[in-house]
């Protein structure tokens, strides 16, 4: 009888312990972003804000989980995924065939084009894309803007590779432009519009690349399906459209 009582008592203790752990050990969605790409991801004082930040928070809400957001440089996002430091990266990341070989992507949630940005007082006229090759152009490292210049100008001997200056952040590339260290900056049109509001710069040429933004995730993880499903629900409900419009009106 005493043995039976002890077994029952032990079972109750184990159940209570598991219940307690379940309450306290709530899953956390680890999100990486590069907070220098307004209006998608940027800092307002000490606060991370933007379209990507709001979408990430809504995904965590849909998944009924806590969220931790880690700001880092754009190229560090991919190494953070590879080393399991984050579960997803959301930071105006274009879905490309090369990236899709190494990472899983969600369904697209926004479309962008590449644009050439100059200082407000720039008098240079760009008539066609090939004209880019005559100038020094700044770009954020590891982006599709850089790859586009290499594939379509450098590889065709229409531009010296040394004329492309890569920077660890989009903000630094804009500052280099303002300081006269590069002639232009190539950047996503959404980011250009964001920087245009706070800097004396202007868009002088648009390249219709029609790139799709997606959430990047580690290959083959079970959580990927849940993240993707949550994003699809937010798109279907019109929530993603509402978030985008709230920053772009």
C-alpha atoms as a PDB file:
ATOM      1  CA  UNK A   1       0.000   0.000   0.000  1.00  0.00           C
ATOM      2  CA  UNK A   2       2.796   2.383   0.911  1.00  0.00           C
ATOM      3  CA  UNK A   3       4.563   1.608  -2.370  1.00  0.00           C
ATOM      4  CA  UNK A   4       1.400   2.357  -4.343  1.00  0.00           C
ATOM      5  CA  UNK A   5       0.952   5.659  -2.516  1.00  0.00           C
ATOM      6  CA  UNK A   6       4.551   6.608  -3.219  1.00  0.00           C
ATOM      7  CA  UNK A   7       4.135   5.783  -6.929  1.00  0.00           C
ATOM      8  CA  UNK A   8       0.977   7.891  -7.155  1.00  0.00           C
ATOM      9  CA  UNK A   9       2.655  10.774  -5.289  1.00  0.00           C
ATOM     10  CA  UNK A  10       5.679  10.590  -7.588  1.00  0.00           C
ATOM     11  CA  UNK A  11       3.437  10.632 -10.664  1.00  0.00           C
ATOM     12  CA  UNK A  12       1.692  13.748  -9.389  1.00  0.00           C
ATOM     13  CA  UNK A  13       5.044  15.479  -8.809  1.00  0.00           C
ATOM     14  CA  UNK A  14       6.237  14.602 -12.324  1.00  0.00           C
ATOM     15  CA  UNK A  15       2.995  15.880 -13.859  1.00  0.00           C
ATOM     16  CA  UNK A  16       3.244  19.143 -11.924  1.00  0.00           C
ATOM     17  CA  UNK A  17       6.863  19.572 -12.977  1.00  0.00           C
ATOM     18  CA  UNK A  18       6.052  19.006 -16.643  1.00  0.00           C
ATOM     19  CA  UNK A  19       3.133  21.414 -16.460  1.00  0.00           C
ATOM     20  CA  UNK A  20       5.344  24.029 -14.854  1.00  0.00           C
ATOM     21  CA  UNK A  21       8.072  23.581 -17.494  1.00  0.00           C
ATOM     22  CA  UNK A  22       5.476  23.858 -20.238  1.00  0.00           C
ATOM     23  CA  UNK A  23       4.266  27.148 -18.830  1.00  0.00           C
ATOM     24  CA  UNK A  24       7.700  28.636 -18.347  1.00  0.00           C
ATOM     25  CA  UNK A  25       9.552  27.158 -21.301  1.00  0.00           C
ATOM     26  CA  UNK A  26       7.470  28.842 -23.980  1.00  0.00           C
ATOM     27  CA  UNK A  27       8.949  28.589 -27.457  1.00  0.00           C
ATOM     28  CA  UNK A  28      10.745  31.670 -28.740  1.00  0.00           C
ATOM     29  CA  UNK A  29      10.854  32.646 -32.415  1.00  0.00           C
ATOM     30  CA  UNK A  30      14.365  33.950 -33.110  1.00  0.00           C
ATOM     31  CA  UNK A  31      14.334  36.552 -35.875  1.00  0.00           C
ATOM     32  CA  UNK A  32      17.252  38.257 -37.602  1.00  0.00           C
ATOM     33  CA  UNK A  33      17.023  41.574 -39.444  1.00  0.00           C
ATOM     34  CA  UNK A  34      19.259  44.316 -40.811  1.00  0.00           C
ATOM     35  CA  UNK A  35      17.753  47.467 -39.334  1.00  0.00           C
ATOM     36  CA  UNK A  36      18.979  49.941 -41.940  1.00  0.00           C
ATOM     37  CA  UNK A  37      16.436  49.496 -44.699  1.00  0.00           C
ATOM     38  CA  UNK A  38      13.496  51.867 -44.218  1.00  0.00           C
ATOM     39  CA  UNK A  39      10.583  51.392 -44.461  1.00  0.00           C
ATOM     40  CA  UNK A  40      11.037  47.622 -44.085  1.00  0.00           C
ATOM     41  CA  UNK A  41      13.414  47.471 -41.128  1.00  0.00           C
ATOM     42  CA  UNK A  42      15.026  50.377 -39.290  1.00  0.00           C
ATOM     43  CA  UNK A  43      15.463  52.010 -35.912  1.00  0.00           C
ATOM     44  CA  UNK A  44      13.313  54.782 -34.491  1.00  0.00           C
ATOM     45  CA  UNK A  45      15.416  55.807 -31.516  1.00  0.00           C
ATOM     46  CA  UNK A  46      16.129  52.545 -29.734  1.00  0.00           C
ATOM     47  CA  UNK A  47      13.077  50.798 -31.172  1.00  0.00           C
ATOM     48  CA  UNK A  48      13.129  48.410 -34.124  1.00  0.00           C
ATOM     49  CA  UNK A  49      10.301  49.328 -36.477  1.00  0.00           C
ATOM     50  CA  UNK A  50       9.218  48.788 -40.074  1.00  0.00           C
ATOM     51  CA  UNK A  51       7.217  46.534 -42.345  1.00  0.00           C
ATOM     52  CA  UNK A  52       9.418  43.489 -41.753  1.00  0.00           C
ATOM     53  CA  UNK A  53       9.381  43.996 -37.975  1.00  0.00           C
ATOM     54  CA  UNK A  54       5.583  44.245 -37.867  1.00  0.00           C
ATOM     55  CA  UNK A  55       5.214  41.161 -40.070  1.00  0.00           C
ATOM     56  CA  UNK A  56       7.609  39.189 -37.858  1.00  0.00           C
ATOM     57  CA  UNK A  57       5.685  40.164 -34.722  1.00  0.00           C
ATOM     58  CA  UNK A  58       2.387  39.186 -36.360  1.00  0.00           C
ATOM     59  CA  UNK A  59       3.845  35.815 -37.366  1.00  0.00           C
ATOM     60  CA  UNK A  60       4.916  35.177 -33.765  1.00  0.00           C
ATOM     61  CA  UNK A  61       1.448  36.221 -32.604  1.00  0.00           C
ATOM     62  CA  UNK A  62      -0.177  33.826 -35.067  1.00  0.00           C
ATOM     63  CA  UNK A  63       2.145  31.054 -33.880  1.00  0.00           C
ATOM     64  CA  UNK A  64       1.295  31.936 -30.251  1.00  0.00           C
ATOM     65  CA  UNK A  65       4.955  32.265 -29.372  1.00  0.00           C
ATOM     66  CA  UNK A  66       7.323  34.863 -27.960  1.00  0.00           C
ATOM     67  CA  UNK A  67       9.711  36.649 -30.298  1.00  0.00           C
ATOM     68  CA  UNK A  68      13.304  37.813 -30.027  1.00  0.00           C
ATOM     69  CA  UNK A  69      14.641  40.074 -32.794  1.00  0.00           C
ATOM     70  CA  UNK A  70      18.369  40.325 -33.423  1.00  0.00           C
ATOM     71  CA  UNK A  71      19.659  43.266 -35.512  1.00  0.00           C
ATOM     72  CA  UNK A  72      22.786  42.510 -37.557  1.00  0.00           C
ATOM     73  CA  UNK A  73      24.437  43.374 -40.861  1.00  0.00           C
ATOM     74  CA  UNK A  74      22.707  42.058 -43.964  1.00  0.00           C
ATOM     75  CA  UNK A  75      25.374  39.509 -44.927  1.00  0.00           C
ATOM     76  CA  UNK A  76      25.527  38.245 -41.314  1.00  0.00           C
ATOM     77  CA  UNK A  77      21.897  37.135 -41.569  1.00  0.00           C
ATOM     78  CA  UNK A  78      22.814  34.159 -43.715  1.00  0.00           C
ATOM     79  CA  UNK A  79      25.661  32.968 -41.502  1.00  0.00           C
ATOM     80  CA  UNK A  80      23.345  33.362 -38.488  1.00  0.00           C
ATOM     81  CA  UNK A  81      20.858  31.040 -40.174  1.00  0.00           C
ATOM     82  CA  UNK A  82      23.566  28.534 -41.074  1.00  0.00           C
ATOM     83  CA  UNK A  83      24.867  28.451 -37.489  1.00  0.00           C
ATOM     84  CA  UNK A  84      21.353  28.110 -35.979  1.00  0.00           C
ATOM     85  CA  UNK A  85      21.474  31.463 -34.189  1.00  0.00           C
ATOM     86  CA  UNK A  86      18.118  32.484 -35.679  1.00  0.00           C
ATOM     87  CA  UNK A  87      15.058  30.655 -37.001  1.00  0.00           C
ATOM     88  CA  UNK A  88      14.220  33.145 -39.740  1.00  0.00           C
ATOM     89  CA  UNK A  89      15.643  36.229 -41.421  1.00  0.00           C
ATOM     90  CA  UNK A  90      13.302  38.946 -42.608  1.00  0.00           C
ATOM     91  CA  UNK A  91      15.040  41.982 -44.059  1.00  0.00           C
ATOM     92  CA  UNK A  92      13.985  42.839 -47.621  1.00  0.00           C
ATOM     93  CA  UNK A  93      15.603  39.578 -48.762  1.00  0.00           C
ATOM     94  CA  UNK A  94      15.137  38.828 -52.444  1.00  0.00           C
ATOM     95  CA  UNK A  95      14.342  35.218 -53.298  1.00  0.00           C
ATOM     96  CA  UNK A  96      16.949  34.037 -55.822  1.00  0.00           C
ATOM     97  CA  UNK A  97      17.754  30.596 -57.278  1.00  0.00           C
ATOM     98  CA  UNK A  98      21.221  30.690 -55.678  1.00  0.00           C
ATOM     99  CA  UNK A  99      19.900  31.555 -52.226  1.00  0.00           C
ATOM    100  CA  UNK A 100      17.151  28.967 -52.558  1.00  0.00           C
ATOM    101  CA  UNK A 101      19.794  26.252 -52.884  1.00  0.00           C
ATOM    102  CA  UNK A 102      21.032  27.024 -49.368  1.00  0.00           C
ATOM    103  CA  UNK A 103      17.925  28.288 -47.580  1.00  0.00           C
ATOM    104  CA  UNK A 104      14.186  27.700 -47.524  1.00  0.00           C
ATOM    105  CA  UNK A 105      11.996  30.670 -48.400  1.00  0.00           C
ATOM    106  CA  UNK A 106       8.454  31.638 -47.577  1.00  0.00           C
ATOM    107  CA  UNK A 107       5.947  32.738 -50.155  1.00  0.00           C
ATOM    108  CA  UNK A 108       6.767  36.267 -51.460  1.00  0.00           C
ATOM    109  CA  UNK A 109       5.198  39.158 -49.543  1.00  0.00           C
ATOM    110  CA  UNK A 110       6.475  42.208 -51.502  1.00  0.00           C
ATOM    111  CA  UNK A 111       7.958  43.128 -54.890  1.00  0.00           C
ATOM    112  CA  UNK A 112      10.800  45.591 -55.534  1.00  0.00           C
ATOM    113  CA  UNK A 113      13.067  46.937 -58.294  1.00  0.00           C
ATOM    114  CA  UNK A 114      16.633  48.209 -58.255  1.00  0.00           C
ATOM    115  CA  UNK A 115      17.155  51.967 -58.562  1.00  0.00           C
ATOM    116  CA  UNK A 116      20.142  54.234 -58.996  1.00  0.00           C
ATOM    117  CA  UNK A 117      20.306  57.006 -56.409  1.00  0.00           C
ATOM    118  CA  UNK A 118      22.254  60.271 -56.686  1.00  0.00           C
ATOM    119  CA  UNK A 119      22.705  63.434 -54.620  1.00  0.00           C
ATOM    120  CA  UNK A 120      19.997  66.032 -55.134  1.00  0.00           C
ATOM    121  CA  UNK A 121      22.362  68.375 -56.975  1.00  0.00           C
ATOM    122  CA  UNK A 122      23.629  65.681 -59.376  1.00  0.00           C
ATOM    123  CA  UNK A 123      23.407  66.770 -63.028  1.00  0.00           C
ATOM    124  CA  UNK A 124      24.497  63.476 -64.613  1.00  0.00           C
ATOM    125  CA  UNK A 125      21.859  62.032 -66.953  1.00  0.00           C
ATOM    126  CA  UNK A 126      21.513  58.242 -67.136  1.00  0.00           C
ATOM    127  CA  UNK A 127      19.814  57.323 -70.414  1.00  0.00           C
ATOM    128  CA  UNK A 128      20.294  53.565 -70.313  1.00  0.00           C
ATOM    129  CA  UNK A 129      21.474  50.837 -67.961  1.00  0.00           C
ATOM    130  CA  UNK A 130      24.846  50.480 -69.740  1.00  0.00           C
ATOM    131  CA  UNK A 131      25.661  54.049 -68.684  1.00  0.00           C
ATOM    132  CA  UNK A 132      26.157  52.739 -65.125  1.00  0.00           C
ATOM    133  CA  UNK A 133      29.515  51.368 -66.223  1.00  0.00           C
ATOM    134  CA  UNK A 134      30.994  54.859 -66.576  1.00  0.00           C
ATOM    135  CA  UNK A 135      30.682  55.658 -62.884  1.00  0.00           C
ATOM    136  CA  UNK A 136      31.585  54.526 -59.380  1.00  0.00           C
ATOM    137  CA  UNK A 137      28.616  52.899 -57.680  1.00  0.00           C
ATOM    138  CA  UNK A 138      28.138  52.054 -54.017  1.00  0.00           C
ATOM    139  CA  UNK A 139      26.057  49.125 -52.825  1.00  0.00           C
ATOM    140  CA  UNK A 140      25.213  47.121 -49.746  1.00  0.00           C
ATOM    141  CA  UNK A 141      27.396  43.999 -49.624  1.00  0.00           C
ATOM    142  CA  UNK A 142      25.915  40.619 -50.618  1.00  0.00           C
ATOM    143  CA  UNK A 143      22.793  42.112 -52.193  1.00  0.00           C
ATOM    144  CA  UNK A 144      21.098  41.499 -55.524  1.00  0.00           C
ATOM    145  CA  UNK A 145      22.011  45.056 -56.533  1.00  0.00           C
ATOM    146  CA  UNK A 146      25.682  44.136 -56.397  1.00  0.00           C
ATOM    147  CA  UNK A 147      25.069  40.825 -58.180  1.00  0.00           C
ATOM    148  CA  UNK A 148      23.072  42.557 -60.908  1.00  0.00           C
ATOM    149  CA  UNK A 149      25.926  44.951 -61.671  1.00  0.00           C
ATOM    150  CA  UNK A 150      28.458  42.116 -61.783  1.00  0.00           C
ATOM    151  CA  UNK A 151      26.361  39.822 -63.994  1.00  0.00           C
ATOM    152  CA  UNK A 152      25.134  42.459 -66.426  1.00  0.00           C
ATOM    153  CA  UNK A 153      28.041  44.910 -66.595  1.00  0.00           C
ATOM    154  CA  UNK A 154      31.286  43.551 -65.113  1.00  0.00           C
ATOM    155  CA  UNK A 155      30.955  40.093 -66.692  1.00  0.00           C
ATOM    156  CA  UNK A 156      30.219  41.740 -70.042  1.00  0.00           C
ATOM    157  CA  UNK A 157      33.278  44.007 -69.762  1.00  0.00           C
ATOM    158  CA  UNK A 158      31.062  47.066 -69.564  1.00  0.00           C
ATOM    159  CA  UNK A 159      32.258  48.087 -66.097  1.00  0.00           C
ATOM    160  CA  UNK A 160      35.464  47.588 -64.060  1.00  0.00           C
ATOM    161  CA  UNK A 161      34.743  45.579 -60.936  1.00  0.00           C
ATOM    162  CA  UNK A 162      36.764  48.100 -58.951  1.00  0.00           C
ATOM    163  CA  UNK A 163      34.088  50.684 -59.762  1.00  0.00           C
ATOM    164  CA  UNK A 164      31.637  48.849 -57.486  1.00  0.00           C
ATOM    165  CA  UNK A 165      32.145  49.734 -53.833  1.00  0.00           C
ATOM    166  CA  UNK A 166      30.537  47.360 -51.313  1.00  0.00           C
ATOM    167  CA  UNK A 167      29.617  48.543 -47.825  1.00  0.00           C
ATOM    168  CA  UNK A 168      28.471  46.622 -44.719  1.00  0.00           C
ATOM    169  CA  UNK A 169      25.324  48.728 -44.401  1.00  0.00           C
ATOM    170  CA  UNK A 170      22.958  50.589 -46.700  1.00  0.00           C
ATOM    171  CA  UNK A 171      23.279  53.669 -44.515  1.00  0.00           C
ATOM    172  CA  UNK A 172      27.038  53.720 -45.019  1.00  0.00           C
ATOM    173  CA  UNK A 173      26.617  53.511 -48.786  1.00  0.00           C
ATOM    174  CA  UNK A 174      24.265  56.508 -48.676  1.00  0.00           C
ATOM    175  CA  UNK A 175      26.723  58.440 -46.497  1.00  0.00           C
ATOM    176  CA  UNK A 176      29.539  57.658 -48.953  1.00  0.00           C
ATOM    177  CA  UNK A 177      27.346  59.064 -51.719  1.00  0.00           C
ATOM    178  CA  UNK A 178      26.637  62.243 -49.757  1.00  0.00           C
ATOM    179  CA  UNK A 179      30.360  62.672 -49.059  1.00  0.00           C
ATOM    180  CA  UNK A 180      31.169  62.388 -52.769  1.00  0.00           C
ATOM    181  CA  UNK A 181      33.089  59.113 -52.492  1.00  0.00           C
ATOM    182  CA  UNK A 182      30.850  57.372 -55.042  1.00  0.00           C
ATOM    183  CA  UNK A 183      28.832  58.778 -57.928  1.00  0.00           C
ATOM    184  CA  UNK A 184      25.705  56.718 -57.300  1.00  0.00           C
ATOM    185  CA  UNK A 185      24.237  54.027 -55.069  1.00  0.00           C
ATOM    186  CA  UNK A 186      22.219  51.077 -56.326  1.00  0.00           C
ATOM    187  CA  UNK A 187      19.540  50.000 -53.880  1.00  0.00           C
ATOM    188  CA  UNK A 188      15.993  48.589 -53.680  1.00  0.00           C
ATOM    189  CA  UNK A 189      13.350  51.145 -54.638  1.00  0.00           C
ATOM    190  CA  UNK A 190      11.546  50.781 -51.301  1.00  0.00           C
ATOM    191  CA  UNK A 191      14.709  51.591 -49.344  1.00  0.00           C
ATOM    192  CA  UNK A 192      15.552  54.453 -51.702  1.00  0.00           C
ATOM    193  CA  UNK A 193      12.134  55.980 -51.040  1.00  0.00           C
ATOM    194  CA  UNK A 194      12.751  55.659 -47.307  1.00  0.00           C
ATOM    195  CA  UNK A 195      16.191  57.274 -47.416  1.00  0.00           C
ATOM    196  CA  UNK A 196      14.910  59.962 -49.800  1.00  0.00           C
ATOM    197  CA  UNK A 197      12.657  61.276 -47.033  1.00  0.00           C
ATOM    198  CA  UNK A 198      15.557  61.976 -44.683  1.00  0.00           C
ATOM    199  CA  UNK A 199      18.496  62.683 -47.023  1.00  0.00           C
ATOM    200  CA  UNK A 200      19.168  65.084 -49.941  1.00  0.00           C
ATOM    201  CA  UNK A 201      19.111  62.309 -52.553  1.00  0.00           C
ATOM    202  CA  UNK A 202      17.000  61.422 -55.572  1.00  0.00           C
ATOM    203  CA  UNK A 203      16.227  58.406 -57.739  1.00  0.00           C
ATOM    204  CA  UNK A 204      17.655  58.912 -61.239  1.00  0.00           C
ATOM    205  CA  UNK A 205      17.099  55.524 -62.873  1.00  0.00           C
ATOM    206  CA  UNK A 206      14.977  52.416 -62.277  1.00  0.00           C
ATOM    207  CA  UNK A 207      15.898  48.885 -63.349  1.00  0.00           C
ATOM    208  CA  UNK A 208      12.798  46.697 -63.643  1.00  0.00           C
ATOM    209  CA  UNK A 209      14.140  43.625 -61.847  1.00  0.00           C
ATOM    210  CA  UNK A 210      10.782  42.684 -60.250  1.00  0.00           C
ATOM    211  CA  UNK A 211      12.382  40.995 -57.247  1.00  0.00           C
ATOM    212  CA  UNK A 212      10.260  39.173 -54.677  1.00  0.00           C
ATOM    213  CA  UNK A 213      10.950  39.541 -50.960  1.00  0.00           C
ATOM    214  CA  UNK A 214      10.655  36.418 -48.826  1.00  0.00           C
ATOM    215  CA  UNK A 215      11.519  35.153 -45.353  1.00  0.00           C
ATOM    216  CA  UNK A 216      14.730  33.089 -45.359  1.00  0.00           C
ATOM    217  CA  UNK A 217      14.939  30.013 -43.112  1.00  0.00           C
ATOM    218  CA  UNK A 218      17.302  27.129 -42.414  1.00  0.00           C
ATOM    219  CA  UNK A 219      16.933  24.253 -44.860  1.00  0.00           C
ATOM    220  CA  UNK A 220      14.469  21.514 -43.959  1.00  0.00           C
ATOM    221  CA  UNK A 221      13.436  22.555 -40.449  1.00  0.00           C
ATOM    222  CA  UNK A 222       9.939  21.653 -39.270  1.00  0.00           C
ATOM    223  CA  UNK A 223       9.320  25.197 -38.009  1.00  0.00           C
ATOM    224  CA  UNK A 224       9.593  26.511 -41.580  1.00  0.00           C
ATOM    225  CA  UNK A 225       6.168  25.158 -42.509  1.00  0.00           C
ATOM    226  CA  UNK A 226       4.592  26.884 -39.504  1.00  0.00           C
ATOM    227  CA  UNK A 227       6.281  30.211 -40.311  1.00  0.00           C
ATOM    228  CA  UNK A 228       5.245  29.991 -43.973  1.00  0.00           C
ATOM    229  CA  UNK A 229       1.673  29.048 -43.071  1.00  0.00           C
ATOM    230  CA  UNK A 230       1.430  31.984 -40.655  1.00  0.00           C
ATOM    231  CA  UNK A 231       2.686  34.403 -43.319  1.00  0.00           C
ATOM    232  CA  UNK A 232       0.209  33.036 -45.882  1.00  0.00           C
ATOM    233  CA  UNK A 233      -2.622  33.589 -43.401  1.00  0.00           C
ATOM    234  CA  UNK A 234      -1.501  37.182 -42.855  1.00  0.00           C
ATOM    235  CA  UNK A 235      -1.351  37.757 -46.621  1.00  0.00           C
ATOM    236  CA  UNK A 236      -4.776  36.172 -47.197  1.00  0.00           C
ATOM    237  CA  UNK A 237      -6.379  38.218 -44.422  1.00  0.00           C
ATOM    238  CA  UNK A 238      -5.025  41.461 -45.876  1.00  0.00           C
ATOM    239  CA  UNK A 239      -2.869  42.124 -42.802  1.00  0.00           C
ATOM    240  CA  UNK A 240       0.399  42.252 -44.750  1.00  0.00           C
ATOM    241  CA  UNK A 241      -1.107  44.704 -47.235  1.00  0.00           C
ATOM    242  CA  UNK A 242      -2.347  46.853 -44.344  1.00  0.00           C
ATOM    243  CA  UNK A 243       1.109  46.860 -42.737  1.00  0.00           C
ATOM    244  CA  UNK A 244       2.822  47.837 -45.995  1.00  0.00           C
ATOM    245  CA  UNK A 245       0.334  50.624 -46.665  1.00  0.00           C
ATOM    246  CA  UNK A 246       0.771  52.017 -43.147  1.00  0.00           C
ATOM    247  CA  UNK A 247       4.449  52.691 -43.930  1.00  0.00           C
ATOM    248  CA  UNK A 248       4.201  53.722 -47.572  1.00  0.00           C
ATOM    249  CA  UNK A 249       1.287  56.162 -47.674  1.00  0.00           C
END
